[in-house]
C-alpha cells in the first residue's frame, strides 16, 4: 500500500476508537512518578500547560475536546476576529503537558494506577473471639465460595 494511502487511513479516516487514542498528551514529571505512565488521554477538566506554538507557556483547563480535529480548546486561549468577536483556538494534544488530572472518573484513575477497574477492593470483616477482642481478616473470592459450599 502506498504511504499516502496508509497515512490517510491512519490519520484522516481513522475509526472513532483509534481517533480517541490519538488524543493523548504527555504527563508532567510528578504525575509520571505517581502513576508510572508517560502519557494519558486528555478529557475536559484536565489542567494543562501549552508547550509549543503561539500560546507557549499558558496554563489552563481543557474546556472542549474535538476528536474530529484531534485537538482541544483551553480556557482563556482565544483569538479575536476583525469585528471584535472572540473564538476558541484548538491546540493539538501533542503540544500539551498535563499538569493535573480530572479525578471525577474513577474508572480512569483505576486504569492509571494499574488496577483493574472491575475489581472491587477486598472486603474487611471484623470477627469477635471469646475474649471480646476484634481481629480484621481479608476475605478473598475463593474463601467466600468455600464458605458458601
N, C-alpha and C. Protein backbone atom coordinates (compact mmCIF):
# COMPACT_ATOMS: atom_id res chain seq x y z
N UNK A 1 0.85 -1.18 0.00
CA UNK A 1 0.00 0.00 0.00
C UNK A 1 0.89 1.24 0.00
N UNK A 2 0.47 2.25 -0.73
CA UNK A 2 1.24 3.49 -0.81
C UNK A 2 1.29 4.19 0.55
N UNK A 3 2.38 4.88 0.83
CA UNK A 3 2.48 5.60 2.11
C UNK A 3 1.38 6.64 2.30
N UNK A 4 1.01 7.33 1.22
CA UNK A 4 -0.03 8.35 1.35
C UNK A 4 -1.37 7.72 1.71
N UNK A 5 -1.65 6.56 1.12
CA UNK A 5 -2.90 5.87 1.43
C UNK A 5 -2.91 5.41 2.88
N UNK A 6 -1.77 4.90 3.33
CA UNK A 6 -1.65 4.41 4.70
C UNK A 6 -1.82 5.57 5.69
N UNK A 7 -1.20 6.70 5.39
CA UNK A 7 -1.30 7.88 6.25
C UNK A 7 -2.74 8.36 6.34
N UNK A 8 -3.42 8.41 5.20
CA UNK A 8 -4.81 8.84 5.20
C UNK A 8 -5.68 7.90 6.03
N UNK A 9 -5.39 6.61 5.92
CA UNK A 9 -6.17 5.61 6.67
C UNK A 9 -5.94 5.74 8.16
N UNK A 10 -4.69 6.01 8.56
CA UNK A 10 -4.35 6.08 9.98
C UNK A 10 -4.76 7.40 10.64
N UNK A 11 -4.73 8.48 9.88
CA UNK A 11 -4.98 9.78 10.49
C UNK A 11 -6.35 10.35 10.13
N UNK A 12 -6.59 10.51 8.86
CA UNK A 12 -7.78 11.26 8.43
C UNK A 12 -9.06 10.42 8.36
N UNK A 13 -8.93 9.11 8.10
CA UNK A 13 -10.11 8.26 8.04
C UNK A 13 -10.08 7.21 9.15
N UNK A 14 -9.54 7.58 10.29
CA UNK A 14 -9.41 6.65 11.41
C UNK A 14 -10.77 6.38 12.04
N UNK A 15 -10.90 5.21 12.65
CA UNK A 15 -12.14 4.87 13.37
C UNK A 15 -12.21 5.70 14.65
N UNK A 16 -13.39 5.70 15.29
CA UNK A 16 -13.59 6.52 16.46
C UNK A 16 -12.67 6.13 17.61
N UNK A 17 -12.52 4.82 17.86
CA UNK A 17 -11.67 4.43 18.99
C UNK A 17 -10.19 4.70 18.71
N UNK A 18 -9.77 4.62 17.44
CA UNK A 18 -8.39 4.96 17.09
C UNK A 18 -8.17 6.45 17.24
N UNK A 19 -9.15 7.23 16.82
CA UNK A 19 -9.04 8.68 16.92
C UNK A 19 -9.02 9.13 18.38
N UNK A 20 -9.74 8.41 19.22
CA UNK A 20 -9.74 8.72 20.64
C UNK A 20 -8.37 8.47 21.25
N UNK A 21 -7.69 7.41 20.80
CA UNK A 21 -6.35 7.11 21.29
C UNK A 21 -5.35 8.17 20.84
N UNK A 22 -5.62 8.83 19.73
CA UNK A 22 -4.72 9.86 19.22
C UNK A 22 -4.80 11.16 20.02
N UNK A 23 -5.73 11.23 20.96
CA UNK A 23 -5.88 12.43 21.79
C UNK A 23 -5.06 12.33 23.07
N UNK A 24 -3.94 11.64 23.02
CA UNK A 24 -3.09 11.50 24.19
C UNK A 24 -2.14 12.67 24.32
N UNK A 25 -1.72 12.93 25.55
CA UNK A 25 -0.78 14.01 25.82
C UNK A 25 0.16 13.57 26.94
N UNK A 26 1.36 14.18 26.98
CA UNK A 26 2.35 13.81 27.97
C UNK A 26 1.93 14.24 29.37
N UNK A 27 2.37 13.46 30.36
CA UNK A 27 2.15 13.80 31.76
C UNK A 27 3.36 14.58 32.28
N UNK A 28 3.13 15.41 33.30
CA UNK A 28 4.23 16.13 33.92
C UNK A 28 5.08 15.16 34.74
N UNK A 29 6.25 15.61 35.17
CA UNK A 29 7.20 14.74 35.87
C UNK A 29 6.61 14.13 37.14
N UNK A 30 5.93 14.94 37.96
CA UNK A 30 5.38 14.40 39.21
C UNK A 30 4.27 13.39 38.96
N UNK A 31 3.44 13.62 37.92
CA UNK A 31 2.38 12.66 37.59
C UNK A 31 2.98 11.39 37.00
N UNK A 32 4.08 11.50 36.27
CA UNK A 32 4.76 10.32 35.73
C UNK A 32 5.25 9.42 36.86
N UNK A 33 5.84 10.05 37.88
CA UNK A 33 6.34 9.27 39.02
C UNK A 33 5.19 8.64 39.79
N UNK A 34 4.10 9.37 39.93
CA UNK A 34 2.95 8.88 40.71
C UNK A 34 2.27 7.69 40.04
N UNK A 35 2.02 7.79 38.72
CA UNK A 35 1.25 6.76 38.03
C UNK A 35 2.10 5.78 37.22
N UNK A 36 3.35 6.10 36.96
CA UNK A 36 4.21 5.21 36.19
C UNK A 36 3.87 5.16 34.72
N UNK A 37 3.22 6.19 34.22
CA UNK A 37 2.85 6.29 32.81
C UNK A 37 3.44 7.56 32.23
N UNK A 38 3.69 7.54 30.91
CA UNK A 38 4.28 8.70 30.25
C UNK A 38 3.22 9.62 29.65
N UNK A 39 2.11 9.04 29.20
CA UNK A 39 1.07 9.86 28.57
C UNK A 39 -0.31 9.36 28.99
N UNK A 40 -1.31 10.20 28.72
CA UNK A 40 -2.68 9.87 29.08
C UNK A 40 -3.62 10.53 28.07
N UNK A 41 -4.79 9.95 27.90
CA UNK A 41 -5.80 10.53 27.01
C UNK A 41 -6.44 11.70 27.75
N UNK A 42 -6.46 12.86 27.14
CA UNK A 42 -6.98 14.06 27.81
C UNK A 42 -8.50 14.10 27.75
N UNK A 43 -9.10 14.65 28.81
CA UNK A 43 -10.55 14.85 28.86
C UNK A 43 -10.81 16.26 29.39
N UNK A 44 -12.07 16.68 29.34
CA UNK A 44 -12.45 18.01 29.83
C UNK A 44 -12.19 18.07 31.33
N UNK A 45 -11.62 19.18 31.76
CA UNK A 45 -11.36 19.37 33.18
C UNK A 45 -9.91 19.12 33.58
N UNK A 46 -9.10 18.53 32.71
CA UNK A 46 -7.68 18.33 32.99
C UNK A 46 -6.96 19.68 32.97
N UNK A 47 -6.02 19.87 33.89
CA UNK A 47 -5.18 21.07 33.88
C UNK A 47 -3.98 20.81 32.99
N UNK A 48 -3.68 21.76 32.12
CA UNK A 48 -2.59 21.55 31.16
C UNK A 48 -1.71 22.79 31.07
N UNK A 49 -0.56 22.60 30.45
CA UNK A 49 0.35 23.70 30.11
C UNK A 49 0.69 23.54 28.65
N UNK A 50 0.62 24.63 27.89
CA UNK A 50 0.93 24.58 26.46
C UNK A 50 2.45 24.69 26.31
N UNK A 51 3.04 23.72 25.59
CA UNK A 51 4.48 23.61 25.48
C UNK A 51 5.01 24.21 24.18
N UNK A 52 4.22 24.14 23.11
CA UNK A 52 4.68 24.63 21.80
C UNK A 52 3.61 25.50 21.17
N UNK A 53 4.04 26.34 20.26
CA UNK A 53 3.11 27.13 19.46
C UNK A 53 2.99 28.57 19.93
N UNK A 54 1.98 29.24 19.40
CA UNK A 54 1.77 30.66 19.65
C UNK A 54 1.47 30.96 21.12
N UNK A 55 0.81 30.04 21.81
CA UNK A 55 0.39 30.25 23.20
C UNK A 55 1.28 29.52 24.19
N UNK A 56 2.55 29.34 23.83
CA UNK A 56 3.51 28.60 24.66
C UNK A 56 3.61 29.23 26.05
N UNK A 57 3.57 28.34 27.08
CA UNK A 57 3.70 28.79 28.46
C UNK A 57 2.38 29.07 29.16
N UNK A 58 1.26 29.02 28.44
CA UNK A 58 -0.05 29.32 29.03
C UNK A 58 -0.55 28.10 29.79
N UNK A 59 -1.02 28.33 31.03
CA UNK A 59 -1.65 27.28 31.83
C UNK A 59 -3.15 27.45 31.75
N UNK A 60 -3.88 26.34 31.83
CA UNK A 60 -5.33 26.42 31.81
C UNK A 60 -5.97 25.06 31.92
N UNK A 61 -7.30 25.05 31.84
CA UNK A 61 -8.06 23.80 31.88
C UNK A 61 -8.67 23.56 30.52
N UNK A 62 -8.85 22.30 30.20
CA UNK A 62 -9.45 21.93 28.92
C UNK A 62 -10.95 22.16 29.01
N UNK A 63 -11.49 22.95 28.07
CA UNK A 63 -12.93 23.23 28.08
C UNK A 63 -13.68 22.38 27.06
N UNK A 64 -13.06 22.07 25.93
CA UNK A 64 -13.71 21.23 24.90
C UNK A 64 -12.67 20.30 24.30
N UNK A 65 -13.12 19.10 23.94
CA UNK A 65 -12.26 18.13 23.25
C UNK A 65 -12.90 17.84 21.90
N UNK A 66 -12.13 18.00 20.82
CA UNK A 66 -12.63 17.73 19.48
C UNK A 66 -11.89 16.52 18.91
N UNK A 67 -12.59 15.39 18.79
CA UNK A 67 -11.95 14.21 18.21
C UNK A 67 -11.78 14.38 16.71
N UNK A 68 -12.65 15.16 16.09
CA UNK A 68 -12.56 15.37 14.65
C UNK A 68 -11.28 16.13 14.29
N UNK A 69 -10.93 17.14 15.09
CA UNK A 69 -9.74 17.93 14.83
C UNK A 69 -8.51 17.37 15.54
N UNK A 70 -8.68 16.36 16.38
CA UNK A 70 -7.61 15.80 17.22
C UNK A 70 -6.95 16.89 18.05
N UNK A 71 -7.75 17.77 18.61
CA UNK A 71 -7.23 18.88 19.38
C UNK A 71 -8.22 19.29 20.47
N UNK A 72 -7.79 20.21 21.33
CA UNK A 72 -8.61 20.64 22.46
C UNK A 72 -8.66 22.17 22.52
N UNK A 73 -9.74 22.67 23.13
CA UNK A 73 -9.86 24.11 23.40
C UNK A 73 -9.54 24.32 24.87
N UNK A 74 -8.74 25.33 25.16
CA UNK A 74 -8.31 25.62 26.52
C UNK A 74 -8.97 26.90 26.99
N UNK A 75 -9.38 26.90 28.28
CA UNK A 75 -9.98 28.11 28.85
C UNK A 75 -8.98 29.25 28.84
N UNK A 76 -9.39 30.40 28.39
CA UNK A 76 -8.51 31.56 28.37
C UNK A 76 -7.70 31.71 27.11
N UNK A 77 -7.71 30.73 26.23
CA UNK A 77 -6.96 30.82 24.97
C UNK A 77 -7.95 31.11 23.86
N UNK A 78 -8.02 32.38 23.46
CA UNK A 78 -8.96 32.81 22.43
C UNK A 78 -8.26 33.77 21.48
N UNK A 79 -8.79 33.84 20.27
CA UNK A 79 -8.32 34.83 19.29
C UNK A 79 -9.47 35.76 18.98
N UNK A 80 -9.13 36.93 18.45
CA UNK A 80 -10.15 37.93 18.16
C UNK A 80 -10.28 38.14 16.66
N UNK A 81 -11.52 38.17 16.19
CA UNK A 81 -11.77 38.47 14.78
C UNK A 81 -11.68 39.98 14.55
N UNK A 82 -11.68 40.37 13.31
CA UNK A 82 -11.58 41.80 12.98
C UNK A 82 -12.80 42.59 13.48
N UNK A 83 -13.95 41.94 13.57
CA UNK A 83 -15.16 42.61 14.06
C UNK A 83 -15.21 42.69 15.58
N UNK A 84 -14.30 41.99 16.25
CA UNK A 84 -14.27 42.05 17.71
C UNK A 84 -14.75 40.79 18.39
N UNK A 85 -15.30 39.84 17.63
CA UNK A 85 -15.76 38.59 18.22
C UNK A 85 -14.56 37.74 18.62
N UNK A 86 -14.72 36.98 19.72
CA UNK A 86 -13.66 36.08 20.16
C UNK A 86 -14.08 34.65 19.88
N UNK A 87 -13.10 33.80 19.52
CA UNK A 87 -13.39 32.39 19.27
C UNK A 87 -12.29 31.53 19.87
N UNK A 88 -12.66 30.26 20.18
CA UNK A 88 -11.71 29.31 20.79
C UNK A 88 -10.64 28.91 19.79
N UNK A 89 -9.43 28.75 20.30
CA UNK A 89 -8.33 28.25 19.49
C UNK A 89 -8.12 26.79 19.88
N UNK A 90 -8.15 25.91 18.90
CA UNK A 90 -7.93 24.49 19.15
C UNK A 90 -6.45 24.16 19.02
N UNK A 91 -5.92 23.49 20.04
CA UNK A 91 -4.50 23.16 20.09
C UNK A 91 -4.34 21.65 20.07
N UNK A 92 -3.42 21.17 19.25
CA UNK A 92 -3.19 19.73 19.13
C UNK A 92 -2.65 19.18 20.45
N UNK A 93 -3.09 17.98 20.81
CA UNK A 93 -2.73 17.41 22.11
C UNK A 93 -1.25 17.08 22.24
N UNK A 94 -0.52 16.95 21.13
CA UNK A 94 0.91 16.68 21.22
C UNK A 94 1.69 17.91 21.69
N UNK A 95 1.06 19.08 21.69
CA UNK A 95 1.70 20.32 22.12
C UNK A 95 1.35 20.69 23.56
N UNK A 96 0.79 19.72 24.30
CA UNK A 96 0.35 19.99 25.67
C UNK A 96 1.12 19.13 26.66
N UNK A 97 1.12 19.58 27.93
CA UNK A 97 1.68 18.83 29.04
C UNK A 97 0.62 18.82 30.13
N UNK A 98 0.18 17.64 30.54
CA UNK A 98 -0.88 17.52 31.54
C UNK A 98 -0.26 17.73 32.92
N UNK A 99 -0.74 18.74 33.65
CA UNK A 99 -0.20 19.04 34.98
C UNK A 99 -1.14 18.60 36.10
N UNK A 100 -2.41 18.41 35.77
CA UNK A 100 -3.39 17.97 36.77
C UNK A 100 -4.50 17.19 36.09
N UNK A 101 -4.96 16.12 36.75
CA UNK A 101 -5.98 15.27 36.16
C UNK A 101 -7.35 15.53 36.75
N UNK A 102 -8.38 15.38 35.93
CA UNK A 102 -9.76 15.43 36.37
C UNK A 102 -10.06 14.08 37.01
N UNK A 103 -10.30 14.04 38.32
CA UNK A 103 -10.45 12.78 39.04
C UNK A 103 -11.91 12.36 39.24
N UNK A 104 -12.84 12.93 38.50
CA UNK A 104 -14.24 12.55 38.63
C UNK A 104 -14.49 11.13 38.14
N UNK A 105 -13.75 10.71 37.12
CA UNK A 105 -13.94 9.38 36.54
C UNK A 105 -13.08 8.37 37.29
N UNK A 106 -13.70 7.57 38.16
CA UNK A 106 -12.97 6.60 38.99
C UNK A 106 -12.36 5.49 38.14
N UNK A 107 -13.01 5.14 37.03
CA UNK A 107 -12.51 4.09 36.14
C UNK A 107 -11.18 4.53 35.53
N UNK A 108 -11.10 5.79 35.12
CA UNK A 108 -9.88 6.32 34.51
C UNK A 108 -8.72 6.31 35.51
N UNK A 109 -8.98 6.71 36.74
CA UNK A 109 -7.94 6.75 37.77
C UNK A 109 -7.48 5.34 38.11
N UNK A 110 -8.41 4.39 38.16
CA UNK A 110 -8.05 2.99 38.45
C UNK A 110 -7.15 2.44 37.34
N UNK A 111 -7.44 2.77 36.08
CA UNK A 111 -6.61 2.32 34.96
C UNK A 111 -5.21 2.94 35.04
N UNK A 112 -5.13 4.21 35.43
CA UNK A 112 -3.85 4.87 35.55
C UNK A 112 -2.99 4.26 36.66
N UNK A 113 -3.63 3.86 37.75
CA UNK A 113 -2.91 3.29 38.87
C UNK A 113 -2.54 1.83 38.63
N UNK A 114 -3.03 1.26 37.54
CA UNK A 114 -2.68 -0.11 37.20
C UNK A 114 -3.60 -1.14 37.80
N UNK A 115 -4.74 -0.72 38.35
CA UNK A 115 -5.70 -1.66 38.93
C UNK A 115 -6.73 -2.01 37.87
N UNK A 116 -7.38 -3.15 38.06
CA UNK A 116 -8.48 -3.49 37.16
C UNK A 116 -9.71 -2.75 37.65
N UNK A 117 -10.35 -1.96 36.78
CA UNK A 117 -11.49 -1.15 37.20
C UNK A 117 -12.68 -2.00 37.67
N UNK A 118 -12.81 -3.22 37.16
CA UNK A 118 -13.96 -4.05 37.51
C UNK A 118 -13.81 -4.67 38.90
N UNK A 119 -12.56 -4.82 39.37
CA UNK A 119 -12.36 -5.41 40.68
C UNK A 119 -12.67 -4.42 41.78
N UNK A 120 -13.27 -4.95 42.84
CA UNK A 120 -13.56 -4.12 44.00
C UNK A 120 -12.49 -4.39 45.05
N UNK A 121 -12.23 -3.45 45.93
CA UNK A 121 -11.23 -3.69 46.97
C UNK A 121 -11.67 -4.83 47.89
N UNK A 122 -10.73 -5.54 48.52
CA UNK A 122 -11.11 -6.67 49.37
C UNK A 122 -11.96 -6.22 50.55
N UNK A 123 -12.90 -7.07 50.91
CA UNK A 123 -13.82 -6.78 52.00
C UNK A 123 -13.13 -7.11 53.32
N UNK A 124 -13.20 -6.20 54.26
CA UNK A 124 -12.60 -6.43 55.57
C UNK A 124 -13.73 -6.66 56.56
N UNK A 125 -13.73 -7.85 57.16
CA UNK A 125 -14.77 -8.19 58.14
C UNK A 125 -14.15 -8.25 59.52
N UNK A 126 -14.94 -7.91 60.52
CA UNK A 126 -14.46 -7.99 61.90
C UNK A 126 -15.11 -9.19 62.55
N UNK A 127 -14.29 -10.02 63.16
CA UNK A 127 -14.81 -11.18 63.88
C UNK A 127 -14.44 -11.06 65.34
N UNK A 128 -15.28 -11.55 66.20
CA UNK A 128 -15.01 -11.48 67.63
C UNK A 128 -14.68 -12.86 68.16
N UNK A 129 -13.74 -12.91 69.06
CA UNK A 129 -13.39 -14.16 69.73
C UNK A 129 -14.02 -14.17 71.12
N UNK A 130 -13.78 -15.23 71.86
CA UNK A 130 -14.37 -15.36 73.20
C UNK A 130 -13.85 -14.30 74.16
N UNK A 131 -12.63 -13.80 73.93
CA UNK A 131 -12.06 -12.80 74.83
C UNK A 131 -12.53 -11.39 74.49
N UNK A 132 -13.50 -11.24 73.58
CA UNK A 132 -14.05 -9.95 73.16
C UNK A 132 -13.01 -9.05 72.49
N UNK A 133 -12.07 -9.65 71.78
CA UNK A 133 -11.10 -8.86 71.01
C UNK A 133 -11.50 -8.95 69.55
N UNK A 134 -11.20 -7.90 68.82
CA UNK A 134 -11.56 -7.90 67.40
C UNK A 134 -10.31 -8.18 66.58
N UNK A 135 -10.52 -8.88 65.48
CA UNK A 135 -9.44 -9.21 64.58
C UNK A 135 -9.93 -8.95 63.15
N UNK A 136 -9.13 -8.23 62.36
CA UNK A 136 -9.50 -7.95 60.98
C UNK A 136 -8.92 -9.02 60.07
N UNK A 137 -9.78 -9.57 59.20
CA UNK A 137 -9.32 -10.58 58.25
C UNK A 137 -9.76 -10.20 56.86
N UNK A 138 -8.90 -10.46 55.89
CA UNK A 138 -9.25 -10.22 54.49
C UNK A 138 -9.89 -11.49 53.93
N UNK A 139 -11.02 -11.31 53.29
CA UNK A 139 -11.74 -12.45 52.71
C UNK A 139 -11.61 -12.36 51.20
N UNK A 140 -11.05 -13.41 50.59
CA UNK A 140 -10.90 -13.44 49.15
C UNK A 140 -12.11 -14.11 48.51
N UNK A 141 -12.20 -14.05 47.19
CA UNK A 141 -13.32 -14.66 46.47
C UNK A 141 -13.34 -16.17 46.66
N UNK A 142 -12.15 -16.80 46.64
CA UNK A 142 -12.07 -18.25 46.81
C UNK A 142 -12.61 -18.66 48.17
N UNK A 143 -12.23 -17.91 49.20
CA UNK A 143 -12.69 -18.24 50.54
C UNK A 143 -14.19 -18.08 50.67
N UNK A 144 -14.75 -17.07 50.02
CA UNK A 144 -16.21 -16.88 50.05
C UNK A 144 -16.94 -18.05 49.41
N UNK A 145 -16.40 -18.55 48.28
CA UNK A 145 -17.01 -19.69 47.59
C UNK A 145 -16.96 -20.93 48.46
N UNK A 146 -15.83 -21.14 49.18
CA UNK A 146 -15.70 -22.30 50.03
C UNK A 146 -16.69 -22.25 51.19
N UNK A 147 -16.94 -21.07 51.72
CA UNK A 147 -17.89 -20.90 52.82
C UNK A 147 -19.30 -21.18 52.33
N UNK A 148 -19.62 -20.74 51.12
CA UNK A 148 -20.96 -20.94 50.56
C UNK A 148 -21.26 -22.41 50.33
N UNK A 149 -20.23 -23.22 49.98
CA UNK A 149 -20.42 -24.66 49.73
C UNK A 149 -20.71 -25.33 51.03
